[in-house]
């Protein structure tokens, strides 16, 4: 009887724990150029709306630069669509895709951006 009660309590605790969100919604953006090569040092910023993106106002994030693998990471995001501004010198992602899909909640979402 005692083992049954303990097992029941443990099972209930595990079920409650499994419903807790363990991971924050985050995104890894990989930037490539028009030839498909990775781009280091690309300035990336996220926006909530297309209007904010076009006007470069009200960014959701600070500017993050891609690393030597062409990656930039954003943490603690909402599970929604973002508009991405990626620039390096005279190259940008304008015309090559600026909108993400809706991010999956509690997961690391992966996006590839092309700058040209």
Protein backbone atom coordinates (compact mmCIF):
# COMPACT_ATOMS: atom_id res chain seq x y z
CA UNK A 1 0.00 0.00 0.00
CA UNK A 2 2.77 2.44 0.95
CA UNK A 3 4.68 1.66 -2.29
CA UNK A 4 1.54 2.33 -4.31
CA UNK A 5 1.06 5.72 -2.66
CA UNK A 6 4.70 6.69 -3.21
CA UNK A 7 4.56 5.57 -6.84
CA UNK A 8 1.35 7.54 -7.33
CA UNK A 9 2.88 10.70 -5.82
CA UNK A 10 6.02 10.32 -7.96
CA UNK A 11 3.99 9.78 -11.12
CA UNK A 12 1.83 12.83 -10.39
CA UNK A 13 4.96 14.90 -9.75
CA UNK A 14 6.56 13.79 -13.01
CA UNK A 15 3.42 14.57 -14.98
CA UNK A 16 3.24 18.06 -13.46
CA UNK A 17 6.94 18.64 -14.13
CA UNK A 18 6.62 17.58 -17.76
CA UNK A 19 4.02 20.28 -18.40
CA UNK A 20 6.41 23.02 -17.28
CA UNK A 21 8.12 24.75 -20.19
CA UNK A 22 11.78 23.82 -19.89
CA UNK A 23 13.12 25.83 -22.82
CA UNK A 24 12.62 29.43 -23.74
CA UNK A 25 11.62 30.26 -27.27
CA UNK A 26 14.80 31.19 -29.12
CA UNK A 27 16.10 31.56 -32.66
CA UNK A 28 19.39 30.89 -34.39
CA UNK A 29 19.82 32.85 -37.61
CA UNK A 30 22.46 31.71 -40.07
CA UNK A 31 23.47 34.29 -42.68
CA UNK A 32 24.81 33.36 -46.09
CA UNK A 33 25.71 35.48 -49.10
CA UNK A 34 24.35 35.10 -52.63
CA UNK A 35 26.98 32.40 -53.32
CA UNK A 36 25.89 30.36 -50.29
CA UNK A 37 28.97 31.16 -48.21
CA UNK A 38 28.58 32.00 -44.51
CA UNK A 39 28.92 35.64 -43.52
CA UNK A 40 30.65 36.73 -40.33
CA UNK A 41 30.03 40.16 -38.81
CA UNK A 42 26.50 40.69 -40.14
CA UNK A 43 24.44 43.08 -38.00
CA UNK A 44 21.02 41.58 -37.25
CA UNK A 45 18.04 43.14 -35.53
CA UNK A 46 14.48 41.86 -35.07
CA UNK A 47 11.25 43.84 -35.42
CA UNK A 48 7.61 43.06 -34.55
CA UNK A 49 5.97 44.61 -37.60
CA UNK A 50 6.78 45.20 -41.23
CA UNK A 51 6.28 48.94 -40.70
CA UNK A 52 8.83 49.00 -37.86
CA UNK A 53 11.21 46.94 -40.01
CA UNK A 54 10.92 49.32 -42.98
CA UNK A 55 11.37 52.41 -40.76
CA UNK A 56 14.00 50.71 -38.56
CA UNK A 57 12.09 51.83 -35.46
CA UNK A 58 11.02 50.03 -32.28
CA UNK A 59 13.39 47.05 -32.57
CA UNK A 60 12.59 44.02 -30.42
CA UNK A 61 16.29 43.26 -29.89
CA UNK A 62 19.63 44.97 -29.74
CA UNK A 63 21.90 44.50 -32.75
CA UNK A 64 23.55 41.06 -32.68
CA UNK A 65 26.49 40.21 -34.97
CA UNK A 66 27.02 36.85 -36.62
CA UNK A 67 29.96 34.78 -35.42
CA UNK A 68 32.61 33.07 -37.56
CA UNK A 69 30.06 30.37 -38.43
CA UNK A 70 27.58 32.97 -39.67
CA UNK A 71 25.26 32.45 -36.68
CA UNK A 72 23.47 34.89 -34.42
CA UNK A 73 21.34 33.74 -31.48
CA UNK A 74 18.31 35.39 -29.92
CA UNK A 75 16.83 34.15 -26.62
CA UNK A 76 13.62 34.74 -24.67
CA UNK A 77 11.49 35.51 -27.72
CA UNK A 78 7.75 35.28 -28.13
CA UNK A 79 6.38 32.51 -30.34
CA UNK A 80 5.39 34.73 -33.26
CA UNK A 81 6.54 36.10 -36.62
CA UNK A 82 9.50 38.50 -36.69
CA UNK A 83 10.93 40.78 -39.35
CA UNK A 84 14.70 40.50 -39.70
CA UNK A 85 17.06 43.28 -40.73
CA UNK A 86 20.47 41.87 -41.68
CA UNK A 87 23.21 44.18 -43.03
CA UNK A 88 26.92 44.09 -43.69
CA UNK A 89 28.50 46.90 -45.66
CA UNK A 90 26.41 47.37 -48.81
CA UNK A 91 24.80 43.92 -48.50
CA UNK A 92 21.41 43.26 -46.92
CA UNK A 93 18.52 40.82 -46.90
CA UNK A 94 16.11 43.29 -48.54
CA UNK A 95 14.40 41.43 -51.35
CA UNK A 96 15.79 38.09 -50.20
CA UNK A 97 13.43 37.30 -47.33
CA UNK A 98 12.82 39.44 -44.27
CA UNK A 99 10.00 37.63 -42.45
CA UNK A 100 10.30 34.50 -40.32
CA UNK A 101 7.64 31.85 -39.93
CA UNK A 102 5.88 31.86 -36.58
CA UNK A 103 8.41 30.59 -34.05
CA UNK A 104 7.66 27.32 -32.30
CA UNK A 105 7.21 27.93 -28.59
CA UNK A 106 9.82 26.50 -26.24
CA UNK A 107 12.19 25.52 -29.03
CA UNK A 108 15.36 26.69 -30.76
CA UNK A 109 14.04 27.88 -34.13
CA UNK A 110 16.50 27.92 -37.03
CA UNK A 111 16.35 30.45 -39.84
CA UNK A 112 18.69 31.08 -42.77
CA UNK A 113 18.92 34.59 -44.19
CA UNK A 114 20.55 35.50 -47.51
CA UNK A 115 22.27 38.86 -47.94
CA UNK A 116 23.18 40.23 -51.34
